[in-house]
Every structure is written in C-alpha cells, then in structure tokens.
Amino acid sequence: MRDIRILFTGGGSGGHLYPLLATAEAVAKKLLKEGLPFEFHYLGPPTERGEAFQKMGIRMHAIGAPKIRRYASGMFRNLLDIPRFFGSVFRALAKLYVLMPDAVFSKGGSGAFPVVFAAWFYRIPVLVHDSDAIPGLTNLFSGRFARRVAVSFESAMRYFPKRKVLLTGNPVRTELLEGKMTPAQAKEAMGFRPDVSLVLILGGSQGSERVNEFVVLNLPDILGVSQVLHQTGTANFRNIQKLSQAAMLGTSVGAEAAAGYKATPYFEDDMAAALSAADAVVARAGSGTIFEAAAFSKPMILIPLEESANDHQRANAYEFANAGGGVVIEEANLQPAILLSELRKILSDPGVHAKMSAASADFFRPKASEDLADALLGFISRK
C-alpha cells in the first residue's frame, strides 16, 4: 500500500493558511495514531509562511493564479487575466496527474479553484472549508465541484446544498491553544501590571491604518480606562510608535498610565500570551481573529472593515455579537465616547464581563480541526 497522499490548497493570507495548517496537523495526528504512512503536499500561490509548512513536512508546489476583482475598476483586469486563469487550470491538471492525491482540502482564496477543478476532473474527492459568514467567491464556485463543504459560521450554511454542508467552526492552531496562561501571568510576561485591565487592539496581520489612527488620537482617554496592547501591522509600527509618544506630550496622563501602552508590529510567537493577558479585544472582524479570541473566551468589540469582500466582516461581527460574545461598532460610528462607553461596560461590571466571556467561549468550536480531519479522511479507504 502506498502512502496516503493529501493535497492542501488555499490563498496566501494568514486567514487561509493558519486554519489549513491546523487541519493538516489534526489529519497527521489521526494517521500517526492509526500507524498509517502519509505524505502532504501544498499546491497554491507562493507564501511567506513556507517555514510553517516545512515544519509540518508539507511539500510545497507553487501555482500562480489571477485574483478575481469585485470592484468596478478591476473588471477590465479580470478580462485580461482570463488566459492566466486557463493557464493555471492546465498547470493544476498537470500537477495533480503526477501527484494523484487521495483527497484535496481547499481553504479558498486565489489559486484554489484551478486545483479544486483539476481534482474534480480526476474524480478526486474535495473538502472545501470557508471561514466567513458570507462565503468567498472562490468557495462558492468550488462548492459545486466539492464532495463536502465545511463552514465556520452557521449563517454560511444556506449558501451550499444541505447534503454537502457541514458546520465545523474555524480551526485554531494547537500551538496557540497550548500557550494559554492565567491573565495575571500573561500580563506580567508582556510587561503590564497584573492588577489593571488590559485591552488588546488588533488590526489583522497587516494592521489597520484607520484603527491605528483612532487609537493614537484617543490614546490618553483609552489609557484612562485600561492598559493597551496594540498590534499595529509591520508597515505601520515605527510611525505609530512616534505618534503615540507625541500623543502623550502635554496631556494629564501620568508616567505610570503612559507605561500601560505597548505597540507591537505583529504577534509571531506571543499571540497566546497576548490573548491570555487581554480582558477584552478590540479588532476587525476577520474570522481568524474572532475564533482565536473566542478560543480564549474573550469579549470583543468588533469594527468591521467596510471594504471587505461581500461585506463578510460585518456579517461575521453581527453573528458573533448576536451570540452574546461581543458588540459591533460600525466604522462610521467609531467615536471616542462610544468606544470608551463600551469598554467601561465590559471592564467595570464583572457580571457583564463573565456573561460575554462565557458566550465567546461557547461560540468557539474546539473540535473544528478534528471534525475537518474526520471529514477529509472519510473520503479515503484506510484498510
């Protein structure tokens, strides 16, 4: 019997790749437990996170693919990219002919559809997973060629045939979950006072310029309510450092309160400590951010990105808020008084904080990776 061969595909962003890696890890654990030999391959756009794939023993194969642009000014470029799209399909057909995997797992994003189509052509079973409350265009197309479609948000189920769809939640990396600490321990580890509330402000892997600007302009007032750990994005970090220092000059904020603000470009190995330390999270409404914070039972104030594809961040935010784990502040309503009022409600009332924390924890589905691994391995005869 040859090694079980599984192919993974998906777009190049962390929102696609982290759940993909979490699923691969769960599949590997199950196959190792059964004593079955296996090999994993990735076919998709080149990614900066190749090191993480190598650690997992996933062999990388690059395939370029044009991005589908939904905005009006991008329609002409979509037409120009049609030859590139068909080129990607032919390359995927050639690569899958050589690899001939037993199953394919797709996270969607640019580069995924040619792989899904090639797998369907060869009658290789495909499991598609979508992370958002409103599925992406790639996954809506891919769902037609997939054996099963898994979704993170209950509201996304209506976009796919009932016989295919499976509600799993969004996989979260094991290394993140294994890094949990008590809030006091985590605050000390991150250089904060353990006896004072801490708000974690996230803008996604790239940071959010508008959230960053809002934080800097209102930093003295926010520090009057809580300590702040602010993820700025790599490109914005140095500028935000300078602006935050300038924001403190000439204000009534004391040295001790000013020391309660720390900025970081990106959480690489310390995201678990940051989430453990936080008493509340203020963030954009990407699915990865929501489910990672929910895995740590954190109340959230969500500010959906207005330009998100299909307005999926707004749908994500309201589904989480309706479950009781957080509140939504539309970007148009992002005013200092509103944010500070919501922060005070969460941080100053133990009953409110406990209720929202419990609802956040309930929203997280801890078996997401296992359920996806079971669905994927269910395609494969392992006798």
Protein backbone atom coordinates (compact mmCIF):
# COMPACT_ATOMS: atom_id res chain seq x y z
CA MET A 1 0.00 0.00 0.00
CA ARG A 2 1.42 3.41 -0.96
CA ASP A 3 1.45 6.35 1.44
CA ILE A 4 -1.85 8.18 1.88
CA ARG A 5 -1.42 11.37 -0.12
CA ILE A 6 -3.35 14.54 0.76
CA LEU A 7 -3.14 17.81 -1.11
CA PHE A 8 -3.87 21.17 0.53
CA THR A 9 -4.63 24.37 -1.34
CA GLY A 10 -5.65 27.91 -0.46
CA GLY A 11 -4.87 31.59 -0.77
CA GLY A 12 -1.68 33.10 0.57
CA SER A 13 -3.03 35.08 3.56
CA GLY A 14 -2.78 34.01 7.19
CA GLY A 15 -6.57 33.81 7.36
CA HIS A 16 -6.43 30.95 4.87
CA LEU A 17 -3.18 29.32 5.85
CA TYR A 18 -3.45 29.05 9.64
CA PRO A 19 -6.70 27.02 9.51
CA LEU A 20 -5.16 24.94 6.72
CA LEU A 21 -2.14 24.15 8.90
CA ALA A 22 -4.35 23.39 11.90
CA THR A 23 -6.33 20.92 9.79
CA ALA A 24 -3.16 19.31 8.41
CA GLU A 25 -1.90 18.87 11.97
CA ALA A 26 -5.15 17.15 13.02
CA VAL A 27 -5.05 14.83 9.98
CA ALA A 28 -1.41 13.93 10.70
CA LYS A 29 -2.22 13.07 14.33
CA LYS A 30 -5.04 10.74 13.29
CA LEU A 31 -2.93 8.95 10.67
CA LEU A 32 0.02 8.59 13.05
CA LYS A 33 -2.32 7.13 15.67
CA GLU A 34 -3.51 4.57 13.11
CA GLY A 35 0.09 3.81 12.14
CA LEU A 36 -0.53 4.73 8.50
CA PRO A 37 2.18 6.27 6.29
CA PHE A 38 1.26 9.55 4.61
CA GLU A 39 2.59 12.49 2.66
CA PHE A 40 1.21 16.01 2.48
CA HIS A 41 1.50 18.44 -0.43
CA TYR A 42 0.50 22.08 -0.87
CA LEU A 43 -0.37 23.46 -4.29
CA GLY A 44 -1.20 27.15 -4.39
CA PRO A 45 0.22 30.68 -4.51
CA PRO A 46 3.71 31.19 -3.10
CA THR A 47 3.54 32.15 0.57
CA GLU A 48 5.84 33.89 3.03
CA ARG A 49 4.86 31.29 5.63
CA GLY A 50 6.69 28.45 3.87
CA GLU A 51 8.65 27.73 7.07
CA ALA A 52 5.45 26.68 8.85
CA PHE A 53 4.67 24.25 6.02
CA GLN A 54 8.17 22.80 6.15
CA LYS A 55 7.83 22.21 9.90
CA MET A 56 4.72 20.16 9.17
CA GLY A 57 6.51 18.19 6.45
CA ILE A 58 4.23 19.60 3.75
CA ARG A 59 5.90 19.68 0.32
CA MET A 60 5.36 22.97 -1.45
CA HIS A 61 4.37 23.34 -5.11
CA ALA A 62 3.67 26.85 -6.42
CA ILE A 63 0.93 27.66 -8.88
CA GLY A 64 0.11 31.23 -9.81
CA ALA A 65 -3.47 32.30 -10.34
CA PRO A 66 -5.14 35.62 -11.09
CA LYS A 67 -7.17 37.29 -8.37
CA ILE A 68 -10.87 37.84 -9.04
CA ARG A 69 -11.58 41.55 -8.55
CA ARG A 70 -15.08 42.52 -7.46
CA TYR A 71 -14.69 46.29 -7.74
CA ALA A 72 -15.75 48.05 -10.97
CA SER A 73 -12.28 49.33 -11.85
CA GLY A 74 -10.94 45.78 -11.72
CA MET A 75 -13.30 44.28 -14.28
CA PHE A 76 -11.02 45.10 -17.22
CA ARG A 77 -8.06 43.45 -15.46
CA ASN A 78 -10.25 40.38 -14.86
CA LEU A 79 -10.74 40.11 -18.62
CA LEU A 80 -7.01 40.43 -19.23
CA ASP A 81 -6.39 37.66 -16.69
CA ILE A 82 -8.60 35.09 -18.43
CA PRO A 83 -5.63 33.49 -20.29
CA ARG A 84 -3.73 33.31 -16.97
CA PHE A 85 -6.69 31.57 -15.35
CA PHE A 86 -6.81 28.85 -18.01
CA GLY A 87 -3.04 28.52 -17.75
CA SER A 88 -3.46 27.88 -14.01
CA VAL A 89 -6.09 25.21 -14.70
CA PHE A 90 -3.77 23.38 -17.11
CA ARG A 91 -0.88 23.58 -14.63
CA ALA A 92 -3.11 22.22 -11.87
CA LEU A 93 -4.25 19.37 -14.14
CA ALA A 94 -0.63 18.50 -14.92
CA LYS A 95 0.47 18.64 -11.28
CA LEU A 96 -2.43 16.55 -9.98
CA TYR A 97 -1.82 13.98 -12.72
CA VAL A 98 1.68 13.49 -11.27
CA LEU A 99 0.72 13.67 -7.58
CA MET A 100 -2.71 11.98 -7.83
CA PRO A 101 -3.65 12.61 -4.17
CA ASP A 102 -6.30 10.58 -2.34
CA ALA A 103 -8.12 13.74 -1.24
CA VAL A 104 -7.88 17.53 -1.53
CA PHE A 105 -8.56 20.12 1.18
CA SER A 106 -9.23 23.67 -0.05
CA LYS A 107 -9.39 26.84 2.04
CA GLY A 108 -10.34 29.04 -0.89
CA GLY A 109 -8.66 32.24 -1.99
CA SER A 110 -6.69 32.94 -5.14
CA GLY A 111 -5.17 29.84 -6.70
CA ALA A 112 -7.54 27.36 -5.07
CA PHE A 113 -10.21 26.99 -7.75
CA PRO A 114 -7.94 25.60 -10.51
CA VAL A 115 -6.79 22.92 -8.04
CA VAL A 116 -10.36 22.07 -7.00
CA PHE A 117 -11.44 21.86 -10.63
CA ALA A 118 -8.49 19.61 -11.53
CA ALA A 119 -9.33 17.32 -8.59
CA TRP A 120 -12.96 17.11 -9.74
CA PHE A 121 -11.78 16.28 -13.28
CA TYR A 122 -9.79 13.32 -11.92
CA ARG A 123 -12.63 12.34 -9.57
CA ILE A 124 -10.51 13.05 -6.50
CA PRO A 125 -12.74 13.93 -3.53
CA VAL A 126 -12.54 17.54 -2.34
CA LEU A 127 -13.39 19.09 1.03
CA VAL A 128 -13.79 22.88 0.91
CA HIS A 129 -13.73 24.97 4.08
CA ASP A 130 -14.95 28.56 4.27
CA SER A 131 -14.15 30.73 7.26
CA ASP A 132 -16.67 33.57 6.89
CA ALA A 133 -20.37 34.15 7.43
CA ILE A 134 -20.65 35.07 3.73
CA PRO A 135 -18.54 32.64 1.64
CA GLY A 136 -15.93 33.92 -0.76
CA LEU A 137 -16.45 33.77 -4.50
CA THR A 138 -13.83 31.03 -4.95
CA ASN A 139 -15.54 28.78 -2.43
CA LEU A 140 -19.00 29.43 -3.89
CA PHE A 141 -17.69 28.12 -7.23
CA SER A 142 -15.57 25.40 -5.64
CA GLY A 143 -18.55 24.11 -3.65
CA ARG A 144 -20.11 22.90 -6.91
CA PHE A 145 -17.14 20.62 -7.53
CA ALA A 146 -16.56 19.51 -3.92
CA ARG A 147 -17.78 16.36 -2.22
CA ARG A 148 -18.38 18.29 1.01
CA VAL A 149 -18.26 21.92 2.16
CA ALA A 150 -17.48 22.87 5.76
CA VAL A 151 -18.30 26.32 7.17
CA SER A 152 -17.33 28.25 10.29
CA PHE A 153 -20.48 30.34 10.73
CA GLU A 154 -23.97 28.89 10.88
CA SER A 155 -25.34 31.57 8.56
CA ALA A 156 -22.98 30.39 5.78
CA MET A 157 -24.74 27.03 5.57
CA ARG A 158 -27.54 28.47 3.43
CA TYR A 159 -25.15 29.10 0.54
CA PHE A 160 -24.49 25.41 -0.10
CA PRO A 161 -26.65 22.29 -0.66
CA LYS A 162 -27.80 20.73 2.63
CA ARG A 163 -26.49 17.31 1.65
CA LYS A 164 -22.96 18.73 1.30
CA VAL A 165 -22.62 21.29 4.07
CA LEU A 166 -21.07 20.71 7.48
CA LEU A 167 -20.80 23.23 10.36
CA THR A 168 -17.36 22.88 11.97
CA GLY A 169 -16.25 26.30 13.15
CA ASN A 170 -12.81 27.66 12.28
CA PRO A 171 -9.69 25.64 13.17
CA VAL A 172 -7.26 27.26 15.59
CA ARG A 173 -3.59 26.29 15.80
CA THR A 174 -2.75 23.79 18.55
CA GLU A 175 0.39 25.74 19.46
CA LEU A 176 -1.80 28.76 20.18
CA LEU A 177 -4.20 26.81 22.41
CA GLU A 178 -1.32 25.13 24.24
CA GLY A 179 0.13 28.54 25.11
CA LYS A 180 -2.71 29.62 27.40
CA MET A 181 -1.74 31.34 30.68
CA THR A 182 -3.62 32.99 33.51
CA PRO A 183 -4.37 36.69 32.80
CA ALA A 184 -2.09 37.83 35.63
CA GLN A 185 0.82 35.65 34.47
CA ALA A 186 0.36 36.76 30.87
CA LYS A 187 0.19 40.46 31.77
CA GLU A 188 3.44 40.21 33.69
CA ALA A 189 5.06 38.28 30.84
CA MET A 190 4.02 41.04 28.42
CA GLY A 191 5.31 43.79 30.74
CA PHE A 192 1.98 45.03 32.10
CA ARG A 193 0.60 45.47 35.61
CA PRO A 194 -1.37 42.33 36.53
CA ASP A 195 -3.90 44.25 38.67
CA VAL A 196 -5.10 46.62 35.91
CA SER A 197 -7.38 45.81 32.98
CA LEU A 198 -5.77 45.29 29.58
CA VAL A 199 -7.32 45.81 26.15
CA LEU A 200 -5.79 44.06 23.16
CA ILE A 201 -6.24 46.02 19.91
CA LEU A 202 -5.80 44.03 16.70
CA GLY A 203 -5.92 45.16 13.10
CA GLY A 204 -5.25 41.82 11.40
CA SER A 205 -1.89 40.61 10.07
CA GLN A 206 -1.41 43.80 8.01
CA GLY A 207 -2.68 46.16 10.69
CA SER A 208 -5.46 48.69 10.14
CA GLU A 209 -4.47 52.26 9.39
CA ARG A 210 -7.85 53.65 10.40
CA VAL A 211 -7.96 51.73 13.70
CA ASN A 212 -4.33 52.72 14.36
CA GLU A 213 -5.12 56.38 13.74
CA PHE A 214 -8.16 56.25 16.02
CA VAL A 215 -6.15 54.66 18.83
CA VAL A 216 -3.34 57.22 18.63
CA LEU A 217 -5.71 60.20 18.52
CA ASN A 218 -7.60 58.95 21.57
CA LEU A 219 -4.81 57.19 23.45
CA PRO A 220 -4.83 59.33 26.63
CA ASP A 221 -8.58 58.73 27.07
CA ILE A 222 -8.29 54.98 26.42
CA LEU A 223 -5.45 54.72 28.96
CA GLY A 224 -7.80 56.31 31.48
CA VAL A 225 -9.90 53.14 31.20
CA SER A 226 -7.37 50.36 30.57
CA GLN A 227 -3.84 49.37 29.69
CA VAL A 228 -3.40 48.84 25.94
CA LEU A 229 -1.51 46.26 23.89
CA HIS A 230 -1.70 47.42 20.27
CA GLN A 231 -0.82 45.33 17.21
CA THR A 232 -0.13 47.88 14.50
CA GLY A 233 1.00 45.87 11.48
CA THR A 234 4.63 45.77 10.37
CA ALA A 235 4.41 48.65 7.88
CA ASN A 236 2.79 50.99 10.42
CA PHE A 237 4.80 50.15 13.53
CA ARG A 238 7.52 52.83 13.59
CA ASN A 239 5.10 55.59 12.66
CA ILE A 240 2.62 54.55 15.37
CA GLN A 241 5.41 54.41 17.96
CA LYS A 242 6.36 58.02 17.21
CA LEU A 243 2.75 59.24 17.06
CA SER A 244 1.80 57.52 20.33
CA GLN A 245 4.70 59.22 22.12
CA ALA A 246 3.67 62.55 20.66
CA ALA A 247 0.06 61.94 21.74
CA MET A 248 1.19 61.73 25.37
CA LEU A 249 3.01 65.07 25.38
CA GLY A 250 1.19 67.83 27.16
CA THR A 251 -1.57 65.55 28.46
CA SER A 252 -2.61 64.78 32.01
CA VAL A 253 -1.70 61.10 31.62
CA GLY A 254 0.83 60.18 34.31
CA ALA A 255 4.02 58.24 33.69
CA GLU A 256 2.52 55.08 35.19
CA ALA A 257 -0.53 55.22 32.90
CA ALA A 258 1.65 56.04 29.88
CA ALA A 259 3.71 52.93 30.62
CA GLY A 260 0.50 50.96 30.17
CA TYR A 261 0.68 51.33 26.37
CA LYS A 262 2.76 48.98 24.26
CA ALA A 263 2.77 48.64 20.48
CA THR A 264 3.98 45.65 18.50
CA PRO A 265 4.13 45.16 14.73
CA TYR A 266 2.90 41.56 14.67
CA PHE A 267 2.43 38.67 17.10
CA GLU A 268 4.62 35.85 15.88
CA ASP A 269 5.21 33.58 18.86
CA ASP A 270 3.43 35.54 21.59
CA MET A 271 -0.17 35.66 20.37
CA ALA A 272 -1.18 33.15 23.06
CA ALA A 273 0.29 35.38 25.78
CA ALA A 274 -1.41 38.46 24.29
CA LEU A 275 -4.82 36.79 24.19
CA SER A 276 -4.34 35.29 27.67
CA ALA A 277 -3.47 38.72 29.07
CA ALA A 278 -6.39 40.61 27.48
CA ASP A 279 -9.56 41.38 29.42
CA ALA A 280 -11.19 42.48 26.16
CA VAL A 281 -10.26 42.59 22.48
CA VAL A 282 -10.92 45.43 20.03
CA ALA A 283 -10.46 44.24 16.46
CA ARG A 284 -11.52 43.99 12.86
CA ALA A 285 -13.96 41.15 12.24
CA GLY A 286 -11.90 38.64 10.30
CA SER A 287 -12.94 35.08 11.11
CA GLY A 288 -9.46 34.08 12.28
CA THR A 289 -9.38 36.93 14.81
CA ILE A 290 -12.88 36.15 16.08
CA PHE A 291 -12.31 32.43 16.57
CA GLU A 292 -8.87 32.85 18.12
CA ALA A 293 -10.23 35.36 20.65
CA ALA A 294 -13.23 33.10 21.30
CA ALA A 295 -10.85 30.19 21.95
CA PHE A 296 -9.54 32.30 24.85
CA SER A 297 -13.08 33.28 26.00
CA LYS A 298 -12.51 36.97 25.31
CA PRO A 299 -15.28 39.59 24.99
CA MET A 300 -14.81 41.56 21.78
CA ILE A 301 -15.60 44.97 20.35
CA LEU A 302 -15.64 44.41 16.59
CA ILE A 303 -15.13 47.12 13.97
CA PRO A 304 -15.93 45.52 10.58
CA LEU A 305 -13.85 46.58 7.61
CA GLU A 306 -16.24 48.44 5.31
CA GLU A 307 -14.46 47.30 2.14
CA SER A 308 -14.34 43.58 2.98
CA ALA A 309 -15.39 41.31 0.12
CA ASN A 310 -19.17 40.77 0.07
CA ASP A 311 -19.25 42.74 3.35
CA HIS A 312 -18.35 39.47 5.09
CA GLN A 313 -16.73 41.16 8.09
CA ARG A 314 -19.99 42.84 9.01
CA ALA A 315 -21.81 39.50 8.78
CA ASN A 316 -19.09 37.84 10.90
CA ALA A 317 -19.28 40.58 13.51
CA TYR A 318 -23.05 40.53 13.92
CA GLU A 319 -23.27 36.74 14.14
CA PHE A 320 -20.70 36.78 16.96
CA ALA A 321 -22.38 39.75 18.68
CA ASN A 322 -25.84 38.16 18.41
CA ALA A 323 -24.43 35.11 20.18
CA GLY A 324 -23.57 37.41 23.10
CA GLY A 325 -19.78 37.40 22.86
CA GLY A 326 -19.27 41.00 21.84
CA VAL A 327 -20.59 44.25 20.42
CA VAL A 328 -20.26 45.84 16.99
CA ILE A 329 -19.22 49.42 16.31
CA GLU A 330 -19.63 50.32 12.66
CA GLU A 331 -16.66 52.30 11.36
CA ALA A 332 -18.94 55.24 10.60
CA ASN A 333 -19.90 55.27 14.30
CA LEU A 334 -16.39 54.85 15.67
CA GLN A 335 -16.34 57.78 18.08
CA PRO A 336 -14.29 58.05 21.29
CA ALA A 337 -17.34 58.32 23.54
CA ILE A 338 -18.92 55.18 22.03
CA LEU A 339 -15.79 53.03 22.29
CA LEU A 340 -14.99 54.20 25.83
CA SER A 341 -18.57 53.58 26.94
CA GLU A 342 -18.47 50.00 25.60
CA LEU A 343 -15.08 49.35 27.17
CA ARG A 344 -16.30 50.58 30.56
CA LYS A 345 -19.39 48.36 30.38
CA ILE A 346 -17.26 45.29 29.72
CA LEU A 347 -14.38 46.02 32.07
CA SER A 348 -16.08 47.61 35.06
CA ASP A 349 -19.01 45.20 35.50
CA PRO A 350 -17.86 41.67 36.48
CA GLY A 351 -21.29 40.27 35.62
CA VAL A 352 -21.24 41.68 32.08
CA HIS A 353 -17.66 40.52 31.56
CA ALA A 354 -18.41 36.99 32.78
CA LYS A 355 -21.52 36.69 30.61
CA MET A 356 -19.75 37.87 27.47
CA SER A 357 -16.72 35.67 28.19
CA ALA A 358 -18.96 32.60 28.51
CA ALA A 359 -20.78 33.45 25.26
CA SER A 360 -17.45 33.96 23.48
CA ALA A 361 -16.22 30.56 24.70
CA ASP A 362 -19.46 28.91 23.53
CA PHE A 363 -19.02 30.40 20.05
CA PHE A 364 -15.68 28.66 19.66
CA ARG A 365 -15.88 25.09 18.40
CA PRO A 366 -12.86 23.31 19.91
CA LYS A 367 -13.23 20.23 17.70
CA ALA A 368 -13.13 22.13 14.39
CA SER A 369 -9.78 20.70 13.30
CA GLU A 370 -10.77 17.16 14.30
CA ASP A 371 -14.13 17.40 12.53
CA LEU A 372 -12.43 18.59 9.34
CA ALA A 373 -9.83 15.83 9.62
CA ASP A 374 -12.59 13.23 10.05
CA ALA A 375 -14.48 14.58 7.03
CA LEU A 376 -11.34 14.55 4.88
CA LEU A 377 -10.22 11.08 5.95
CA GLY A 378 -13.77 9.82 5.47
CA PHE A 379 -13.10 10.04 1.72
CA ILE A 380 -10.18 7.63 1.96
CA SER A 381 -10.29 3.84 2.37
CA ARG A 382 -7.65 3.04 5.02
CA LYS A 383 -7.94 -0.76 5.17
